[in-house]
Amino acid sequence: MRYLRPGTLVAAGVLLLIAGLVYSVVFAGIPYQDPTPQMYATWKSYQRIGDSLMISGLVVLASGGLWALVRWIARPRR
């Protein structure tokens, strides 16, 4: 699996993190001041989607960073 490297996971994690942030800002945005229950439910669902994208991005970023650290520590010394 030569194409899957720690840098690939780190880059994918950063992209997911940015995508979640953009999704939260564009679709959810600032909550309404006095929303109806329907408006609040819609806003909350958009916010959950953005949050889950950001959390998954952080998990992928952390796993790629951890993999890179373990690979760097376990590399053969010359």
PDB file of N, CA and C in Angstrom:
ATOM      1  N   MET A   1       0.841  -1.174   0.000  1.00  0.00           N
ATOM      2  CA  MET A   1       0.000   0.000   0.000  1.00  0.00           C
ATOM      3  C   MET A   1       0.886   1.237   0.000  1.00  0.00           C
ATOM      4  N   ARG A   2       1.482   1.458  -1.107  1.00  0.00           N
ATOM      5  CA  ARG A   2       2.414   2.556  -1.228  1.00  0.00           C
ATOM      6  C   ARG A   2       1.707   3.914  -1.317  1.00  0.00           C
ATOM      7  N   TYR A   3       0.475   3.930  -1.780  1.00  0.00           N
ATOM      8  CA  TYR A   3      -0.239   5.182  -1.954  1.00  0.00           C
ATOM      9  C   TYR A   3      -0.802   5.722  -0.648  1.00  0.00           C
ATOM     10  N   LEU A   4      -0.934   4.877   0.370  1.00  0.00           N
ATOM     11  CA  LEU A   4      -1.477   5.325   1.646  1.00  0.00           C
ATOM     12  C   LEU A   4      -0.318   5.615   2.590  1.00  0.00           C
ATOM     13  N   ARG A   5      -0.065   6.876   2.821  1.00  0.00           N
ATOM     14  CA  ARG A   5       1.022   7.309   3.680  1.00  0.00           C
ATOM     15  C   ARG A   5       0.452   8.192   4.774  1.00  0.00           C
ATOM     16  N   PRO A   6       1.228   8.426   5.825  1.00  0.00           N
ATOM     17  CA  PRO A   6       0.730   9.306   6.886  1.00  0.00           C
ATOM     18  C   PRO A   6       0.400  10.703   6.386  1.00  0.00           C
ATOM     19  N   GLY A   7       1.163  11.196   5.438  1.00  0.00           N
ATOM     20  CA  GLY A   7       0.882  12.523   4.891  1.00  0.00           C
ATOM     21  C   GLY A   7      -0.461  12.595   4.186  1.00  0.00           C
ATOM     22  N   THR A   8      -0.854  11.491   3.579  1.00  0.00           N
ATOM     23  CA  THR A   8      -2.156  11.433   2.921  1.00  0.00           C
ATOM     24  C   THR A   8      -3.275  11.544   3.947  1.00  0.00           C
ATOM     25  N   LEU A   9      -3.128  10.850   5.066  1.00  0.00           N
ATOM     26  CA  LEU A   9      -4.142  10.933   6.118  1.00  0.00           C
ATOM     27  C   LEU A   9      -4.174  12.324   6.743  1.00  0.00           C
ATOM     28  N   VAL A  10      -3.024  12.917   6.938  1.00  0.00           N
ATOM     29  CA  VAL A  10      -2.986  14.263   7.504  1.00  0.00           C
ATOM     30  C   VAL A  10      -3.680  15.244   6.558  1.00  0.00           C
ATOM     31  N   ALA A  11      -3.387  15.149   5.268  1.00  0.00           N
ATOM     32  CA  ALA A  11      -4.018  16.035   4.288  1.00  0.00           C
ATOM     33  C   ALA A  11      -5.529  15.808   4.230  1.00  0.00           C
ATOM     34  N   ALA A  12      -5.948  14.546   4.272  1.00  0.00           N
ATOM     35  CA  ALA A  12      -7.387  14.248   4.260  1.00  0.00           C
ATOM     36  C   ALA A  12      -8.057  14.782   5.517  1.00  0.00           C
ATOM     37  N   GLY A  13      -7.379  14.673   6.651  1.00  0.00           N
ATOM     38  CA  GLY A  13      -7.938  15.206   7.891  1.00  0.00           C
ATOM     39  C   GLY A  13      -8.094  16.710   7.855  1.00  0.00           C
ATOM     40  N   VAL A  14      -7.101  17.392   7.310  1.00  0.00           N
ATOM     41  CA  VAL A  14      -7.191  18.849   7.196  1.00  0.00           C
ATOM     42  C   VAL A  14      -8.326  19.239   6.257  1.00  0.00           C
ATOM     43  N   LEU A  15      -8.464  18.515   5.143  1.00  0.00           N
ATOM     44  CA  LEU A  15      -9.551  18.810   4.205  1.00  0.00           C
ATOM     45  C   LEU A  15     -10.923  18.576   4.834  1.00  0.00           C
ATOM     46  N   LEU A  16     -11.068  17.494   5.596  1.00  0.00           N
ATOM     47  CA  LEU A  16     -12.343  17.243   6.272  1.00  0.00           C
ATOM     48  C   LEU A  16     -12.628  18.314   7.323  1.00  0.00           C
ATOM     49  N   LEU A  17     -11.616  18.737   8.029  1.00  0.00           N
ATOM     50  CA  LEU A  17     -11.781  19.776   9.033  1.00  0.00           C
ATOM     51  C   LEU A  17     -12.230  21.085   8.387  1.00  0.00           C
ATOM     52  N   ILE A  18     -11.593  21.460   7.287  1.00  0.00           N
ATOM     53  CA  ILE A  18     -11.974  22.681   6.584  1.00  0.00           C
ATOM     54  C   ILE A  18     -13.370  22.551   5.988  1.00  0.00           C
ATOM     55  N   ALA A  19     -13.687  21.376   5.447  1.00  0.00           N
ATOM     56  CA  ALA A  19     -15.020  21.160   4.868  1.00  0.00           C
ATOM     57  C   ALA A  19     -16.101  21.278   5.935  1.00  0.00           C
ATOM     58  N   GLY A  20     -15.846  20.743   7.123  1.00  0.00           N
ATOM     59  CA  GLY A  20     -16.818  20.865   8.204  1.00  0.00           C
ATOM     60  C   GLY A  20     -16.999  22.295   8.656  1.00  0.00           C
ATOM     61  N   LEU A  21     -15.915  23.037   8.712  1.00  0.00           N
ATOM     62  CA  LEU A  21     -15.996  24.437   9.104  1.00  0.00           C
ATOM     63  C   LEU A  21     -16.768  25.252   8.070  1.00  0.00           C
ATOM     64  N   VAL A  22     -16.469  25.029   6.811  1.00  0.00           N
ATOM     65  CA  VAL A  22     -17.181  25.751   5.746  1.00  0.00           C
ATOM     66  C   VAL A  22     -18.655  25.375   5.745  1.00  0.00           C
ATOM     67  N   TYR A  23     -18.959  24.104   5.917  1.00  0.00           N
ATOM     68  CA  TYR A  23     -20.359  23.662   5.940  1.00  0.00           C
ATOM     69  C   TYR A  23     -21.108  24.312   7.090  1.00  0.00           C
ATOM     70  N   SER A  24     -20.470  24.372   8.255  1.00  0.00           N
ATOM     71  CA  SER A  24     -21.125  24.983   9.408  1.00  0.00           C
ATOM     72  C   SER A  24     -21.377  26.468   9.184  1.00  0.00           C
ATOM     73  N   VAL A  25     -20.425  27.149   8.583  1.00  0.00           N
ATOM     74  CA  VAL A  25     -20.583  28.587   8.367  1.00  0.00           C
ATOM     75  C   VAL A  25     -21.606  28.867   7.271  1.00  0.00           C
ATOM     76  N   VAL A  26     -21.544  28.119   6.171  1.00  0.00           N
ATOM     77  CA  VAL A  26     -22.423  28.403   5.039  1.00  0.00           C
ATOM     78  C   VAL A  26     -23.859  27.966   5.310  1.00  0.00           C
ATOM     79  N   PHE A  27     -24.054  26.750   5.800  1.00  0.00           N
ATOM     80  CA  PHE A  27     -25.412  26.241   5.954  1.00  0.00           C
ATOM     81  C   PHE A  27     -26.018  26.564   7.325  1.00  0.00           C
ATOM     82  N   ALA A  28     -25.272  26.345   8.385  1.00  0.00           N
ATOM     83  CA  ALA A  28     -25.833  26.598   9.707  1.00  0.00           C
ATOM     84  C   ALA A  28     -25.706  28.082  10.057  1.00  0.00           C
ATOM     85  N   GLY A  29     -24.517  28.624   9.944  1.00  0.00           N
ATOM     86  CA  GLY A  29     -24.315  30.035  10.236  1.00  0.00           C
ATOM     87  C   GLY A  29     -24.623  30.373  11.681  1.00  0.00           C
ATOM     88  N   ILE A  30     -25.013  31.593  11.903  1.00  0.00           N
ATOM     89  CA  ILE A  30     -25.371  32.055  13.240  1.00  0.00           C
ATOM     90  C   ILE A  30     -26.814  31.647  13.500  1.00  0.00           C
ATOM     91  N   PRO A  31     -27.120  31.123  14.690  1.00  0.00           N
ATOM     92  CA  PRO A  31     -28.505  30.711  14.956  1.00  0.00           C
ATOM     93  C   PRO A  31     -29.454  31.914  14.955  1.00  0.00           C
ATOM     94  N   TYR A  32     -30.683  31.634  14.622  1.00  0.00           N
ATOM     95  CA  TYR A  32     -31.701  32.675  14.601  1.00  0.00           C
ATOM     96  C   TYR A  32     -31.959  33.195  16.006  1.00  0.00           C
ATOM     97  N   GLN A  33     -32.447  34.432  16.098  1.00  0.00           N
ATOM     98  CA  GLN A  33     -32.666  35.031  17.405  1.00  0.00           C
ATOM     99  C   GLN A  33     -33.886  34.422  18.110  1.00  0.00           C
ATOM    100  N   ASP A  34     -35.014  34.408  17.458  1.00  0.00           N
ATOM    101  CA  ASP A  34     -36.226  33.798  18.012  1.00  0.00           C
ATOM    102  C   ASP A  34     -36.787  32.803  17.003  1.00  0.00           C
ATOM    103  N   PRO A  35     -36.170  31.617  16.899  1.00  0.00           N
ATOM    104  CA  PRO A  35     -36.596  30.691  15.851  1.00  0.00           C
ATOM    105  C   PRO A  35     -37.849  29.918  16.243  1.00  0.00           C
ATOM    106  N   THR A  36     -38.559  29.500  15.207  1.00  0.00           N
ATOM    107  CA  THR A  36     -39.649  28.565  15.428  1.00  0.00           C
ATOM    108  C   THR A  36     -39.028  27.190  15.661  1.00  0.00           C
ATOM    109  N   PRO A  37     -39.776  26.245  16.189  1.00  0.00           N
ATOM    110  CA  PRO A  37     -39.207  24.901  16.378  1.00  0.00           C
ATOM    111  C   PRO A  37     -38.696  24.271  15.075  1.00  0.00           C
ATOM    112  N   GLN A  38     -39.381  24.531  13.978  1.00  0.00           N
ATOM    113  CA  GLN A  38     -38.950  24.008  12.678  1.00  0.00           C
ATOM    114  C   GLN A  38     -37.605  24.619  12.259  1.00  0.00           C
ATOM    115  N   MET A  39     -37.457  25.919  12.420  1.00  0.00           N
ATOM    116  CA  MET A  39     -36.207  26.590  12.058  1.00  0.00           C
ATOM    117  C   MET A  39     -35.067  26.120  12.951  1.00  0.00           C
ATOM    118  N   TYR A  40     -35.348  25.940  14.238  1.00  0.00           N
ATOM    119  CA  TYR A  40     -34.310  25.486  15.156  1.00  0.00           C
ATOM    120  C   TYR A  40     -33.876  24.058  14.825  1.00  0.00           C
ATOM    121  N   ALA A  41     -34.833  23.202  14.482  1.00  0.00           N
ATOM    122  CA  ALA A  41     -34.497  21.816  14.126  1.00  0.00           C
ATOM    123  C   ALA A  41     -33.648  21.767  12.860  1.00  0.00           C
ATOM    124  N   THR A  42     -33.978  22.589  11.881  1.00  0.00           N
ATOM    125  CA  THR A  42     -33.189  22.637  10.653  1.00  0.00           C
ATOM    126  C   THR A  42     -31.783  23.135  10.940  1.00  0.00           C
ATOM    127  N   TRP A  43     -31.674  24.220  11.710  1.00  0.00           N
ATOM    128  CA  TRP A  43     -30.362  24.760  12.052  1.00  0.00           C
ATOM    129  C   TRP A  43     -29.534  23.729  12.823  1.00  0.00           C
ATOM    130  N   LYS A  44     -30.167  23.046  13.767  1.00  0.00           N
ATOM    131  CA  LYS A  44     -29.458  22.064  14.581  1.00  0.00           C
ATOM    132  C   LYS A  44     -28.971  20.891  13.732  1.00  0.00           C
ATOM    133  N   SER A  45     -29.754  20.443  12.770  1.00  0.00           N
ATOM    134  CA  SER A  45     -29.313  19.330  11.918  1.00  0.00           C
ATOM    135  C   SER A  45     -28.117  19.748  11.059  1.00  0.00           C
ATOM    136  N   TYR A  46     -28.141  20.964  10.509  1.00  0.00           N
ATOM    137  CA  TYR A  46     -26.987  21.458   9.755  1.00  0.00           C
ATOM    138  C   TYR A  46     -25.760  21.577  10.653  1.00  0.00           C
ATOM    139  N   GLN A  47     -25.964  22.045  11.864  1.00  0.00           N
ATOM    140  CA  GLN A  47     -24.845  22.198  12.784  1.00  0.00           C
ATOM    141  C   GLN A  47     -24.257  20.834  13.153  1.00  0.00           C
ATOM    142  N   ARG A  48     -25.094  19.830  13.336  1.00  0.00           N
ATOM    143  CA  ARG A  48     -24.602  18.482  13.652  1.00  0.00           C
ATOM    144  C   ARG A  48     -23.781  17.898  12.504  1.00  0.00           C
ATOM    145  N   ILE A  49     -24.219  18.128  11.280  1.00  0.00           N
ATOM    146  CA  ILE A  49     -23.471  17.631  10.126  1.00  0.00           C
ATOM    147  C   ILE A  49     -22.099  18.286  10.069  1.00  0.00           C
ATOM    148  N   GLY A  50     -22.058  19.596  10.250  1.00  0.00           N
ATOM    149  CA  GLY A  50     -20.773  20.294  10.254  1.00  0.00           C
ATOM    150  C   GLY A  50     -19.875  19.843  11.387  1.00  0.00           C
ATOM    151  N   ASP A  51     -20.459  19.651  12.571  1.00  0.00           N
ATOM    152  CA  ASP A  51     -19.671  19.187  13.710  1.00  0.00           C
ATOM    153  C   ASP A  51     -19.118  17.788  13.485  1.00  0.00           C
ATOM    154  N   SER A  52     -19.927  16.905  12.910  1.00  0.00           N
ATOM    155  CA  SER A  52     -19.443  15.540  12.680  1.00  0.00           C
ATOM    156  C   SER A  52     -18.330  15.521  11.627  1.00  0.00           C
ATOM    157  N   LEU A  53     -18.425  16.390  10.620  1.00  0.00           N
ATOM    158  CA  LEU A  53     -17.334  16.492   9.646  1.00  0.00           C
ATOM    159  C   LEU A  53     -16.056  16.983  10.315  1.00  0.00           C
ATOM    160  N   MET A  54     -16.178  17.975  11.193  1.00  0.00           N
ATOM    161  CA  MET A  54     -14.991  18.492  11.864  1.00  0.00           C
ATOM    162  C   MET A  54     -14.385  17.465  12.818  1.00  0.00           C
ATOM    163  N   ILE A  55     -15.222  16.734  13.531  1.00  0.00           N
ATOM    164  CA  ILE A  55     -14.713  15.716  14.456  1.00  0.00           C
ATOM    165  C   ILE A  55     -14.035  14.586  13.693  1.00  0.00           C
ATOM    166  N   SER A  56     -14.644  14.146  12.600  1.00  0.00           N
ATOM    167  CA  SER A  56     -13.999  13.080  11.812  1.00  0.00           C
ATOM    168  C   SER A  56     -12.696  13.580  11.198  1.00  0.00           C
ATOM    169  N   GLY A  57     -12.644  14.850  10.811  1.00  0.00           N
ATOM    170  CA  GLY A  57     -11.404  15.414  10.305  1.00  0.00           C
ATOM    171  C   GLY A  57     -10.316  15.433  11.367  1.00  0.00           C
ATOM    172  N   LEU A  58     -10.693  15.769  12.600  1.00  0.00           N
ATOM    173  CA  LEU A  58      -9.716  15.752  13.690  1.00  0.00           C
ATOM    174  C   LEU A  58      -9.218  14.343  13.980  1.00  0.00           C
ATOM    175  N   VAL A  59     -10.111  13.367  13.916  1.00  0.00           N
ATOM    176  CA  VAL A  59      -9.711  11.977  14.168  1.00  0.00           C
ATOM    177  C   VAL A  59      -8.757  11.486  13.082  1.00  0.00           C
ATOM    178  N   VAL A  60      -9.071  11.776  11.827  1.00  0.00           N
ATOM    179  CA  VAL A  60      -8.204  11.350  10.726  1.00  0.00           C
ATOM    180  C   VAL A  60      -6.861  12.076  10.804  1.00  0.00           C
ATOM    181  N   LEU A  61      -6.889  13.361  11.123  1.00  0.00           N
ATOM    182  CA  LEU A  61      -5.657  14.134  11.259  1.00  0.00           C
ATOM    183  C   LEU A  61      -4.794  13.594  12.395  1.00  0.00           C
ATOM    184  N   ALA A  62      -5.402  13.294  13.526  1.00  0.00           N
ATOM    185  CA  ALA A  62      -4.651  12.761  14.662  1.00  0.00           C
ATOM    186  C   ALA A  62      -4.094  11.374  14.364  1.00  0.00           C
ATOM    187  N   SER A  63      -4.875  10.531  13.696  1.00  0.00           N
ATOM    188  CA  SER A  63      -4.367   9.191  13.390  1.00  0.00           C
ATOM    189  C   SER A  63      -3.219   9.256  12.381  1.00  0.00           C
ATOM    190  N   GLY A  64      -3.305  10.148  11.404  1.00  0.00           N
ATOM    191  CA  GLY A  64      -2.200  10.310  10.467  1.00  0.00           C
ATOM    192  C   GLY A  64      -0.958  10.858  11.141  1.00  0.00           C
ATOM    193  N   GLY A  65      -1.142  11.806  12.057  1.00  0.00           N
ATOM    194  CA  GLY A  65      -0.009  12.337  12.801  1.00  0.00           C
ATOM    195  C   GLY A  65       0.619  11.307  13.711  1.00  0.00           C
ATOM    196  N   LEU A  66      -0.216  10.503  14.358  1.00  0.00           N
ATOM    197  CA  LEU A  66       0.296   9.441  15.216  1.00  0.00           C
ATOM    198  C   LEU A  66       1.035   8.380  14.408  1.00  0.00           C
ATOM    199  N   TRP A  67       0.484   8.031  13.258  1.00  0.00           N
ATOM    200  CA  TRP A  67       1.142   7.069  12.384  1.00  0.00           C
ATOM    201  C   TRP A  67       2.495   7.598  11.916  1.00  0.00           C
ATOM    202  N   ALA A  68       2.563   8.883  11.553  1.00  0.00           N
ATOM    203  CA  ALA A  68       3.827   9.479  11.129  1.00  0.00           C
ATOM    204  C   ALA A  68       4.834   9.487  12.282  1.00  0.00           C
ATOM    205  N   LEU A  69       4.377   9.758  13.495  1.00  0.00           N
ATOM    206  CA  LEU A  69       5.266   9.767  14.653  1.00  0.00           C
ATOM    207  C   LEU A  69       5.805   8.378  14.950  1.00  0.00           C
ATOM    208  N   VAL A  70       4.941   7.372  14.923  1.00  0.00           N
ATOM    209  CA  VAL A  70       5.371   5.993  15.175  1.00  0.00           C
ATOM    210  C   VAL A  70       6.323   5.536  14.079  1.00  0.00           C
ATOM    211  N   ARG A  71       6.026   5.894  12.844  1.00  0.00           N
ATOM    212  CA  ARG A  71       6.895   5.516  11.734  1.00  0.00           C
ATOM    213  C   ARG A  71       8.261   6.185  11.850  1.00  0.00           C
ATOM    214  N   TRP A  72       8.283   7.440  12.313  1.00  0.00           N
ATOM    215  CA  TRP A  72       9.535   8.157  12.482  1.00  0.00           C
ATOM    216  C   TRP A  72      10.365   7.563  13.628  1.00  0.00           C
ATOM    217  N   ILE A  73       9.699   7.176  14.715  1.00  0.00           N
ATOM    218  CA  ILE A  73      10.398   6.597  15.858  1.00  0.00           C
ATOM    219  C   ILE A  73      10.933   5.198  15.520  1.00  0.00           C
ATOM    220  N   ALA A  74      10.154   4.413  14.767  1.00  0.00           N
ATOM    221  CA  ALA A  74      10.520   3.030  14.485  1.00  0.00           C
ATOM    222  C   ALA A  74      11.401   2.866  13.240  1.00  0.00           C
ATOM    223  N   ARG A  75      11.775   3.961  12.606  1.00  0.00           N
ATOM    224  CA  ARG A  75      12.584   3.839  11.384  1.00  0.00           C
ATOM    225  C   ARG A  75      13.978   3.283  11.737  1.00  0.00           C
ATOM    226  N   PRO A  76      14.558   2.570  10.805  1.00  0.00           N
ATOM    227  CA  PRO A  76      15.901   2.016  11.088  1.00  0.00           C
ATOM    228  C   PRO A  76      16.944   3.124  11.156  1.00  0.00           C
ATOM    229  N   ARG A  77      17.801   3.037  12.116  1.00  0.00           N
ATOM    230  CA  ARG A  77      18.880   4.013  12.297  1.00  0.00           C
ATOM    231  C   ARG A  77      20.102   3.596  11.490  1.00  0.00           C
ATOM    232  N   ARG A  78      20.834   4.563  11.023  1.00  0.00           N
ATOM    233  CA  ARG A  78      22.046   4.248  10.252  1.00  0.00           C
ATOM    234  C   ARG A  78      23.263   4.575  11.056  1.00  0.00           C
TER     235      ARG A  78
END
